[in-house]
Amino acid sequence: MEHSSKMEFFQKLGYDREDVVRVLAKLGQDALVNDVLQELIQTGSRPGAHLSSAAPLLVPRGSCGTPDSIRRGLGADPEEEV
Protein backbone atom coordinates (compact mmCIF):
# COMPACT_ATOMS: atom_id res chain seq x y z
CA MET A 1 0.00 0.00 0.00
CA GLU A 2 1.47 3.38 -0.96
CA HIS A 3 1.93 6.30 1.47
CA SER A 4 -1.14 8.30 0.45
CA SER A 5 -3.35 5.20 0.60
CA LYS A 6 -2.06 4.36 4.08
CA MET A 7 -2.63 7.91 5.26
CA GLU A 8 -6.18 7.92 3.90
CA PHE A 9 -6.88 4.50 5.44
CA PHE A 10 -5.74 5.48 8.94
CA GLN A 11 -7.56 8.81 8.76
CA LYS A 12 -10.77 6.97 7.81
CA LEU A 13 -10.24 4.90 10.95
CA GLY A 14 -10.16 8.18 12.87
CA TYR A 15 -6.45 8.51 13.62
CA ASP A 16 -4.93 11.98 13.60
CA ARG A 17 -2.67 12.76 10.64
CA GLU A 18 0.23 13.81 12.88
CA ASP A 19 0.12 10.50 14.78
CA VAL A 20 0.17 8.49 11.55
CA VAL A 21 3.05 10.55 10.14
CA ARG A 22 5.03 10.04 13.37
CA VAL A 23 4.47 6.27 13.34
CA LEU A 24 5.30 5.94 9.65
CA ALA A 25 8.50 7.93 10.22
CA LYS A 26 9.42 5.55 13.03
CA LEU A 27 8.54 2.28 11.25
CA GLY A 28 9.28 3.33 7.68
CA GLN A 29 7.03 3.88 4.69
CA ASP A 30 7.02 0.16 3.86
CA ALA A 31 5.61 -0.85 7.27
CA LEU A 32 2.70 -3.26 7.25
CA VAL A 33 -0.75 -1.93 8.16
CA ASN A 34 -0.96 -4.21 11.21
CA ASP A 35 2.42 -2.97 12.46
CA VAL A 36 1.33 0.66 12.08
CA LEU A 37 -1.95 -0.06 13.91
CA GLN A 38 -0.07 -1.83 16.69
CA GLU A 39 2.28 1.13 17.09
CA LEU A 40 -0.61 3.62 17.09
CA ILE A 41 -2.32 1.63 19.84
CA GLN A 42 0.87 1.21 21.90
CA THR A 43 1.65 4.93 21.73
CA GLY A 44 -1.79 5.75 23.06
CA SER A 45 -3.26 7.21 19.90
CA ARG A 46 -7.00 6.81 19.83
CA PRO A 47 -9.25 7.01 16.82
CA GLY A 48 -11.34 10.14 16.90
CA ALA A 49 -9.48 11.64 19.85
CA HIS A 50 -8.83 14.83 17.89
CA LEU A 51 -12.57 15.17 17.22
CA SER A 52 -13.59 15.42 20.86
CA SER A 53 -13.15 19.20 20.99
CA ALA A 54 -15.39 19.59 17.95
CA ALA A 55 -18.30 17.70 19.52
CA PRO A 56 -21.58 19.59 19.33
CA LEU A 57 -22.98 21.14 22.47
CA LEU A 58 -26.18 19.36 23.48
CA VAL A 59 -29.00 21.77 24.26
CA PRO A 60 -32.26 20.62 25.87
CA ARG A 61 -35.37 21.39 23.86
CA GLY A 62 -38.95 21.45 24.94
CA SER A 63 -40.39 21.55 28.43
CA CYS A 64 -38.64 19.56 31.11
CA GLY A 65 -40.66 21.11 33.91
CA THR A 66 -40.17 24.33 35.78
CA PRO A 67 -37.98 24.81 38.85
CA ASP A 68 -41.15 25.19 40.96
CA SER A 69 -42.52 21.82 39.82
CA ILE A 70 -39.21 20.20 40.66
CA ARG A 71 -39.23 21.63 44.19
CA ARG A 72 -42.86 20.60 44.75
CA GLY A 73 -42.44 17.15 43.27
CA LEU A 74 -44.24 15.82 40.24
CA GLY A 75 -47.21 14.33 42.13
CA ALA A 76 -47.85 17.31 44.41
CA ASP A 77 -51.22 19.00 44.40
CA PRO A 78 -50.79 22.60 43.13
CA GLU A 79 -53.46 23.81 45.62
CA GLU A 80 -51.28 22.70 48.55
CA GLU A 81 -48.68 25.41 47.86
CA VAL A 82 -47.82 27.68 50.76
PDB file of N, CA and C in Angstrom:
ATOM      1  N   MET A   1       0.855  -1.173   0.000  1.00  0.00           N
ATOM      2  CA  MET A   1       0.000   0.000   0.000  1.00  0.00           C
ATOM      3  C   MET A   1       0.905   1.242   0.000  1.00  0.00           C
ATOM      4  N   GLU A   2       0.615   2.190  -0.865  1.00  0.00           N
ATOM      5  CA  GLU A   2       1.467   3.382  -0.955  1.00  0.00           C
ATOM      6  C   GLU A   2       1.144   4.374   0.169  1.00  0.00           C
ATOM      7  N   HIS A   3       2.020   5.355   0.346  1.00  0.00           N
ATOM      8  CA  HIS A   3       1.931   6.303   1.467  1.00  0.00           C
ATOM      9  C   HIS A   3       0.584   7.009   1.532  1.00  0.00           C
ATOM     10  N   SER A   4       0.115   7.549   0.421  1.00  0.00           N
ATOM     11  CA  SER A   4      -1.144   8.301   0.448  1.00  0.00           C
ATOM     12  C   SER A   4      -2.326   7.387   0.761  1.00  0.00           C
ATOM     13  N   SER A   5      -2.282   6.162   0.302  1.00  0.00           N
ATOM     14  CA  SER A   5      -3.345   5.203   0.600  1.00  0.00           C
ATOM     15  C   SER A   5      -3.349   4.843   2.080  1.00  0.00           C
ATOM     16  N   LYS A   6      -2.156   4.652   2.651  1.00  0.00           N
ATOM     17  CA  LYS A   6      -2.059   4.355   4.079  1.00  0.00           C
ATOM     18  C   LYS A   6      -2.598   5.525   4.900  1.00  0.00           C
ATOM     19  N   MET A   7      -2.189   6.721   4.527  1.00  0.00           N
ATOM     20  CA  MET A   7      -2.631   7.906   5.262  1.00  0.00           C
ATOM     21  C   MET A   7      -4.151   8.015   5.230  1.00  0.00           C
ATOM     22  N   GLU A   8      -4.721   7.835   4.057  1.00  0.00           N
ATOM     23  CA  GLU A   8      -6.181   7.916   3.902  1.00  0.00           C
ATOM     24  C   GLU A   8      -6.868   6.821   4.723  1.00  0.00           C
ATOM     25  N   PHE A   9      -6.311   5.624   4.699  1.00  0.00           N
ATOM     26  CA  PHE A   9      -6.878   4.498   5.436  1.00  0.00           C
ATOM     27  C   PHE A   9      -6.924   4.785   6.933  1.00  0.00           C
ATOM     28  N   PHE A  10      -5.797   5.232   7.502  1.00  0.00           N
ATOM     29  CA  PHE A  10      -5.742   5.481   8.940  1.00  0.00           C
ATOM     30  C   PHE A  10      -6.591   6.693   9.339  1.00  0.00           C
ATOM     31  N   GLN A  11      -6.701   7.670   8.465  1.00  0.00           N
ATOM     32  CA  GLN A  11      -7.562   8.813   8.756  1.00  0.00           C
ATOM     33  C   GLN A  11      -9.034   8.400   8.720  1.00  0.00           C
ATOM     34  N   LYS A  12      -9.403   7.486   7.830  1.00  0.00           N
ATOM     35  CA  LYS A  12     -10.768   6.973   7.807  1.00  0.00           C
ATOM     36  C   LYS A  12     -11.083   6.207   9.085  1.00  0.00           C
ATOM     37  N   LEU A  13     -10.063   5.584   9.675  1.00  0.00           N
ATOM     38  CA  LEU A  13     -10.244   4.895  10.947  1.00  0.00           C
ATOM     39  C   LEU A  13     -10.341   5.885  12.111  1.00  0.00           C
ATOM     40  N   GLY A  14     -10.026   7.149  11.847  1.00  0.00           N
ATOM     41  CA  GLY A  14     -10.161   8.181  12.871  1.00  0.00           C
ATOM     42  C   GLY A  14      -8.867   8.620  13.514  1.00  0.00           C
ATOM     43  N   TYR A  15      -7.738   8.119  13.040  1.00  0.00           N
ATOM     44  CA  TYR A  15      -6.453   8.513  13.625  1.00  0.00           C
ATOM     45  C   TYR A  15      -6.036   9.876  13.091  1.00  0.00           C
ATOM     46  N   ASP A  16      -5.406  10.656  13.947  1.00  0.00           N
ATOM     47  CA  ASP A  16      -4.929  11.984  13.599  1.00  0.00           C
ATOM     48  C   ASP A  16      -3.748  11.880  12.633  1.00  0.00           C
ATOM     49  N   ARG A  17      -3.711  12.775  11.668  1.00  0.00           N
ATOM     50  CA  ARG A  17      -2.667  12.755  10.637  1.00  0.00           C
ATOM     51  C   ARG A  17      -1.269  12.810  11.248  1.00  0.00           C
ATOM     52  N   GLU A  18      -1.090  13.653  12.256  1.00  0.00           N
ATOM     53  CA  GLU A  18       0.230  13.806  12.879  1.00  0.00           C
ATOM     54  C   GLU A  18       0.698  12.500  13.522  1.00  0.00           C
ATOM     55  N   ASP A  19      -0.235  11.771  14.163  1.00  0.00           N
ATOM     56  CA  ASP A  19       0.125  10.496  14.781  1.00  0.00           C
ATOM     57  C   ASP A  19       0.552   9.477  13.723  1.00  0.00           C
ATOM     58  N   VAL A  20      -0.169   9.437  12.616  1.00  0.00           N
ATOM     59  CA  VAL A  20       0.166   8.492  11.545  1.00  0.00           C
ATOM     60  C   VAL A  20       1.517   8.841  10.932  1.00  0.00           C
ATOM     61  N   VAL A  21       1.774  10.113  10.698  1.00  0.00           N
ATOM     62  CA  VAL A  21       3.053  10.553  10.138  1.00  0.00           C
ATOM     63  C   VAL A  21       4.191  10.161  11.072  1.00  0.00           C
ATOM     64  N   ARG A  22       3.999  10.367  12.380  1.00  0.00           N
ATOM     65  CA  ARG A  22       5.031  10.038  13.369  1.00  0.00           C
ATOM     66  C   ARG A  22       5.335   8.543  13.359  1.00  0.00           C
ATOM     67  N   VAL A  23       4.278   7.716  13.327  1.00  0.00           N
ATOM     68  CA  VAL A  23       4.472   6.266  13.343  1.00  0.00           C
ATOM     69  C   VAL A  23       5.119   5.794  12.047  1.00  0.00           C
ATOM     70  N   LEU A  24       4.681   6.327  10.917  1.00  0.00           N
ATOM     71  CA  LEU A  24       5.297   5.935   9.645  1.00  0.00           C
ATOM     72  C   LEU A  24       6.761   6.359   9.582  1.00  0.00           C
ATOM     73  N   ALA A  25       7.091   7.500  10.185  1.00  0.00           N
ATOM     74  CA  ALA A  25       8.496   7.928  10.220  1.00  0.00           C
ATOM     75  C   ALA A  25       9.325   6.962  11.074  1.00  0.00           C
ATOM     76  N   LYS A  26       8.717   6.472  12.140  1.00  0.00           N
ATOM     77  CA  LYS A  26       9.422   5.547  13.035  1.00  0.00           C
ATOM     78  C   LYS A  26       9.590   4.165  12.396  1.00  0.00           C
ATOM     79  N   LEU A  27       8.508   3.645  11.795  1.00  0.00           N
ATOM     80  CA  LEU A  27       8.538   2.281  11.252  1.00  0.00           C
ATOM     81  C   LEU A  27       8.996   2.202   9.805  1.00  0.00           C
ATOM     82  N   GLY A  28       8.919   3.318   9.099  1.00  0.00           N
ATOM     83  CA  GLY A  28       9.278   3.331   7.684  1.00  0.00           C
ATOM     84  C   GLY A  28       8.037   3.276   6.815  1.00  0.00           C
ATOM     85  N   GLN A  29       8.161   3.790   5.617  1.00  0.00           N
ATOM     86  CA  GLN A  29       7.033   3.881   4.691  1.00  0.00           C
ATOM     87  C   GLN A  29       6.542   2.514   4.225  1.00  0.00           C
ATOM     88  N   ASP A  30       7.392   1.499   4.320  1.00  0.00           N
ATOM     89  CA  ASP A  30       7.019   0.157   3.864  1.00  0.00           C
ATOM     90  C   ASP A  30       6.437  -0.705   4.984  1.00  0.00           C
ATOM     91  N   ALA A  31       6.148  -0.098   6.135  1.00  0.00           N
ATOM     92  CA  ALA A  31       5.609  -0.851   7.275  1.00  0.00           C
ATOM     93  C   ALA A  31       4.245  -1.439   6.929  1.00  0.00           C
ATOM     94  N   LEU A  32       3.981  -2.605   7.460  1.00  0.00           N
ATOM     95  CA  LEU A  32       2.704  -3.261   7.246  1.00  0.00           C
ATOM     96  C   LEU A  32       1.601  -2.547   8.035  1.00  0.00           C
ATOM     97  N   VAL A  33       0.386  -2.611   7.529  1.00  0.00           N
ATOM     98  CA  VAL A  33      -0.750  -1.935   8.161  1.00  0.00           C
ATOM     99  C   VAL A  33      -0.918  -2.393   9.611  1.00  0.00           C
ATOM    100  N   ASN A  34      -0.809  -3.702   9.847  1.00  0.00           N
ATOM    101  CA  ASN A  34      -0.961  -4.208  11.212  1.00  0.00           C
ATOM    102  C   ASN A  34       0.116  -3.667  12.148  1.00  0.00           C
ATOM    103  N   ASP A  35       1.332  -3.517  11.638  1.00  0.00           N
ATOM    104  CA  ASP A  35       2.416  -2.972  12.456  1.00  0.00           C
ATOM    105  C   ASP A  35       2.144  -1.508  12.804  1.00  0.00           C
ATOM    106  N   VAL A  36       1.640  -0.750  11.837  1.00  0.00           N
ATOM    107  CA  VAL A  36       1.327   0.658  12.080  1.00  0.00           C
ATOM    108  C   VAL A  36       0.197   0.761  13.098  1.00  0.00           C
ATOM    109  N   LEU A  37      -0.846  -0.062  12.948  1.00  0.00           N
ATOM    110  CA  LEU A  37      -1.949  -0.058  13.908  1.00  0.00           C
ATOM    111  C   LEU A  37      -1.460  -0.421  15.303  1.00  0.00           C
ATOM    112  N   GLN A  38      -0.604  -1.420  15.402  1.00  0.00           N
ATOM    113  CA  GLN A  38      -0.070  -1.828  16.691  1.00  0.00           C
ATOM    114  C   GLN A  38       0.695  -0.677  17.344  1.00  0.00           C
ATOM    115  N   GLU A  39       1.497   0.005  16.566  1.00  0.00           N
ATOM    116  CA  GLU A  39       2.278   1.126  17.093  1.00  0.00           C
ATOM    117  C   GLU A  39       1.360   2.285  17.517  1.00  0.00           C
ATOM    118  N   LEU A  40       0.337   2.555  16.728  1.00  0.00           N
ATOM    119  CA  LEU A  40      -0.613   3.615  17.091  1.00  0.00           C
ATOM    120  C   LEU A  40      -1.293   3.294  18.418  1.00  0.00           C
ATOM    121  N   ILE A  41      -1.665   2.044  18.592  1.00  0.00           N
ATOM    122  CA  ILE A  41      -2.319   1.628  19.840  1.00  0.00           C
ATOM    123  C   ILE A  41      -1.344   1.707  21.005  1.00  0.00           C
ATOM    124  N   GLN A  42      -0.123   1.225  20.817  1.00  0.00           N
ATOM    125  CA  GLN A  42       0.875   1.214  21.896  1.00  0.00           C
ATOM    126  C   GLN A  42       1.280   2.614  22.319  1.00  0.00           C
ATOM    127  N   THR A  43       1.262   3.559  21.384  1.00  0.00           N
ATOM    128  CA  THR A  43       1.654   4.930  21.735  1.00  0.00           C
ATOM    129  C   THR A  43       0.493   5.720  22.335  1.00  0.00           C
ATOM    130  N   GLY A  44      -0.662   5.090  22.416  1.00  0.00           N
ATOM    131  CA  GLY A  44      -1.789   5.749  23.058  1.00  0.00           C
ATOM    132  C   GLY A  44      -2.650   6.569  22.131  1.00  0.00           C
ATOM    133  N   SER A  45      -2.401   6.497  20.843  1.00  0.00           N
ATOM    134  CA  SER A  45      -3.255   7.211  19.901  1.00  0.00           C
ATOM    135  C   SER A  45      -4.610   6.532  19.879  1.00  0.00           C
ATOM    136  N   ARG A  46      -5.654   7.360  19.861  1.00  0.00           N
ATOM    137  CA  ARG A  46      -7.002   6.811  19.831  1.00  0.00           C
ATOM    138  C   ARG A  46      -7.752   7.370  18.643  1.00  0.00           C
ATOM    139  N   PRO A  47      -8.461   6.507  17.943  1.00  0.00           N
ATOM    140  CA  PRO A  47      -9.253   7.005  16.818  1.00  0.00           C
ATOM    141  C   PRO A  47     -10.273   8.026  17.298  1.00  0.00           C
ATOM    142  N   GLY A  48     -10.354   9.129  16.586  1.00  0.00           N
ATOM    143  CA  GLY A  48     -11.342  10.141  16.900  1.00  0.00           C
ATOM    144  C   GLY A  48     -10.995  11.021  18.079  1.00  0.00           C
ATOM    145  N   ALA A  49      -9.841  10.841  18.693  1.00  0.00           N
ATOM    146  CA  ALA A  49      -9.479  11.642  19.852  1.00  0.00           C
ATOM    147  C   ALA A  49      -9.384  13.119  19.507  1.00  0.00           C
ATOM    148  N   HIS A  50      -8.943  13.441  18.301  1.00  0.00           N
ATOM    149  CA  HIS A  50      -8.828  14.830  17.893  1.00  0.00           C
ATOM    150  C   HIS A  50     -10.188  15.452  17.600  1.00  0.00           C
ATOM    151  N   LEU A  51     -11.239  14.653  17.509  1.00  0.00           N
ATOM    152  CA  LEU A  51     -12.574  15.174  17.216  1.00  0.00           C
ATOM    153  C   LEU A  51     -13.334  15.566  18.467  1.00  0.00           C
ATOM    154  N   SER A  52     -12.830  15.184  19.634  1.00  0.00           N
ATOM    155  CA  SER A  52     -13.586  15.416  20.858  1.00  0.00           C
ATOM    156  C   SER A  52     -13.847  16.896  21.124  1.00  0.00           C
ATOM    157  N   SER A  53     -12.935  17.780  20.747  1.00  0.00           N
ATOM    158  CA  SER A  53     -13.152  19.200  20.990  1.00  0.00           C
ATOM    159  C   SER A  53     -14.174  19.784  20.023  1.00  0.00           C
ATOM    160  N   ALA A  54     -14.448  19.085  18.933  1.00  0.00           N
ATOM    161  CA  ALA A  54     -15.390  19.586  17.949  1.00  0.00           C
ATOM    162  C   ALA A  54     -16.794  19.012  18.154  1.00  0.00           C
ATOM    163  N   ALA A  55     -17.001  18.308  19.262  1.00  0.00           N
ATOM    164  CA  ALA A  55     -18.303  17.699  19.516  1.00  0.00           C
ATOM    165  C   ALA A  55     -19.353  18.792  19.719  1.00  0.00           C
ATOM    166  N   PRO A  56     -20.535  18.578  19.192  1.00  0.00           N
ATOM    167  CA  PRO A  56     -21.577  19.593  19.331  1.00  0.00           C
ATOM    168  C   PRO A  56     -22.048  19.706  20.780  1.00  0.00           C
ATOM    169  N   LEU A  57     -22.442  20.890  21.151  1.00  0.00           N
ATOM    170  CA  LEU A  57     -22.983  21.138  22.469  1.00  0.00           C
ATOM    171  C   LEU A  57     -24.435  20.694  22.466  1.00  0.00           C
ATOM    172  N   LEU A  58     -24.812  19.840  23.406  1.00  0.00           N
ATOM    173  CA  LEU A  58     -26.184  19.365  23.476  1.00  0.00           C
ATOM    174  C   LEU A  58     -27.022  20.365  24.254  1.00  0.00           C
ATOM    175  N   VAL A  59     -28.123  20.779  23.657  1.00  0.00           N
ATOM    176  CA  VAL A  59     -28.995  21.769  24.264  1.00  0.00           C
ATOM    177  C   VAL A  59     -30.367  21.149  24.441  1.00  0.00           C
ATOM    178  N   PRO A  60     -30.926  21.185  25.670  1.00  0.00           N
ATOM    179  CA  PRO A  60     -32.256  20.616  25.867  1.00  0.00           C
ATOM    180  C   PRO A  60     -33.306  21.420  25.119  1.00  0.00           C
ATOM    181  N   ARG A  61     -34.276  20.736  24.574  1.00  0.00           N
ATOM    182  CA  ARG A  61     -35.365  21.392  23.856  1.00  0.00           C
ATOM    183  C   ARG A  61     -36.684  20.929  24.458  1.00  0.00           C
ATOM    184  N   GLY A  62     -37.647  21.806  24.424  1.00  0.00           N
ATOM    185  CA  GLY A  62     -38.955  21.449  24.941  1.00  0.00           C
ATOM    186  C   GLY A  62     -39.036  21.689  26.435  1.00  0.00           C
ATOM    187  N   SER A  63     -40.150  21.322  27.020  1.00  0.00           N
ATOM    188  CA  SER A  63     -40.390  21.554  28.431  1.00  0.00           C
ATOM    189  C   SER A  63     -39.942  20.357  29.252  1.00  0.00           C
ATOM    190  N   CYS A  64     -39.091  20.608  30.191  1.00  0.00           N
ATOM    191  CA  CYS A  64     -38.640  19.564  31.109  1.00  0.00           C
ATOM    192  C   CYS A  64     -39.179  19.837  32.496  1.00  0.00           C
ATOM    193  N   GLY A  65     -40.137  20.729  32.601  1.00  0.00           N
ATOM    194  CA  GLY A  65     -40.657  21.112  33.908  1.00  0.00           C
ATOM    195  C   GLY A  65     -40.041  22.424  34.340  1.00  0.00           C
ATOM    196  N   THR A  66     -40.674  23.070  35.272  1.00  0.00           N
ATOM    197  CA  THR A  66     -40.172  24.334  35.785  1.00  0.00           C
ATOM    198  C   THR A  66     -39.479  24.083  37.107  1.00  0.00           C
ATOM    199  N   PRO A  67     -38.637  24.990  37.544  1.00  0.00           N
ATOM    200  CA  PRO A  67     -37.982  24.807  38.847  1.00  0.00           C
ATOM    201  C   PRO A  67     -38.991  24.644  39.976  1.00  0.00           C
ATOM    202  N   ASP A  68     -40.146  25.326  39.910  1.00  0.00           N
ATOM    203  CA  ASP A  68     -41.149  25.193  40.960  1.00  0.00           C
ATOM    204  C   ASP A  68     -41.708  23.780  41.014  1.00  0.00           C
ATOM    205  N   SER A  69     -41.961  23.178  39.830  1.00  0.00           N
ATOM    206  CA  SER A  69     -42.516  21.821  39.821  1.00  0.00           C
ATOM    207  C   SER A  69     -41.501  20.815  40.333  1.00  0.00           C
ATOM    208  N   ILE A  70     -40.242  21.098  40.160  1.00  0.00           N
ATOM    209  CA  ILE A  70     -39.206  20.198  40.664  1.00  0.00           C
ATOM    210  C   ILE A  70     -39.161  20.271  42.179  1.00  0.00           C
ATOM    211  N   ARG A  71     -39.250  21.469  42.736  1.00  0.00           N
ATOM    212  CA  ARG A  71     -39.234  21.630  44.189  1.00  0.00           C
ATOM    213  C   ARG A  71     -40.458  20.989  44.831  1.00  0.00           C
ATOM    214  N   ARG A  72     -41.616  21.131  44.196  1.00  0.00           N
ATOM    215  CA  ARG A  72     -42.859  20.595  44.750  1.00  0.00           C
ATOM    216  C   ARG A  72     -42.930  19.090  44.599  1.00  0.00           C
ATOM    217  N   GLY A  73     -42.311  18.569  43.579  1.00  0.00           N
ATOM    218  CA  GLY A  73     -42.441  17.153  43.265  1.00  0.00           C
ATOM    219  C   GLY A  73     -43.498  16.992  42.184  1.00  0.00           C
ATOM    220  N   LEU A  74     -43.351  15.980  41.382  1.00  0.00           N
ATOM    221  CA  LEU A  74     -44.239  15.818  40.238  1.00  0.00           C
ATOM    222  C   LEU A  74     -45.659  15.473  40.639  1.00  0.00           C
ATOM    223  N   GLY A  75     -45.881  14.768  41.746  1.00  0.00           N
ATOM    224  CA  GLY A  75     -47.211  14.329  42.134  1.00  0.00           C
ATOM    225  C   GLY A  75     -47.897  15.281  43.098  1.00  0.00           C
ATOM    226  N   ALA A  76     -47.284  16.392  43.414  1.00  0.00           N
ATOM    227  CA  ALA A  76     -47.848  17.313  44.409  1.00  0.00           C
ATOM    228  C   ALA A  76     -49.085  18.006  43.853  1.00  0.00           C
ATOM    229  N   ASP A  77     -49.999  18.282  44.747  1.00  0.00           N
ATOM    230  CA  ASP A  77     -51.217  19.002  44.395  1.00  0.00           C
ATOM    231  C   ASP A  77     -50.903  20.489  44.353  1.00  0.00           C
ATOM    232  N   PRO A  78     -51.145  21.181  43.237  1.00  0.00           N
ATOM    233  CA  PRO A  78     -50.793  22.597  43.132  1.00  0.00           C
ATOM    234  C   PRO A  78     -51.557  23.475  44.134  1.00  0.00           C
ATOM    235  N   GLU A  79     -52.709  23.016  44.653  1.00  0.00           N
ATOM    236  CA  GLU A  79     -53.459  23.812  45.621  1.00  0.00           C
ATOM    237  C   GLU A  79     -52.852  23.765  47.000  1.00  0.00           C
ATOM    238  N   GLU A  80     -51.907  22.837  47.240  1.00  0.00           N
ATOM    239  CA  GLU A  80     -51.284  22.701  48.553  1.00  0.00           C
ATOM    240  C   GLU A  80     -50.092  23.625  48.721  1.00  0.00           C
ATOM    241  N   GLU A  81     -49.821  24.500  47.761  1.00  0.00           N
ATOM    242  CA  GLU A  81     -48.684  25.413  47.860  1.00  0.00           C
ATOM    243  C   GLU A  81     -48.873  26.348  49.023  1.00  0.00           C
ATOM    244  N   VAL A  82     -47.780  26.751  49.617  1.00  0.00           N
ATOM    245  CA  VAL A  82     -47.817  27.676  50.756  1.00  0.00           C
ATOM    246  C   VAL A  82     -47.699  29.079  50.280  1.00  0.00           C
TER     247      VAL A  82
END
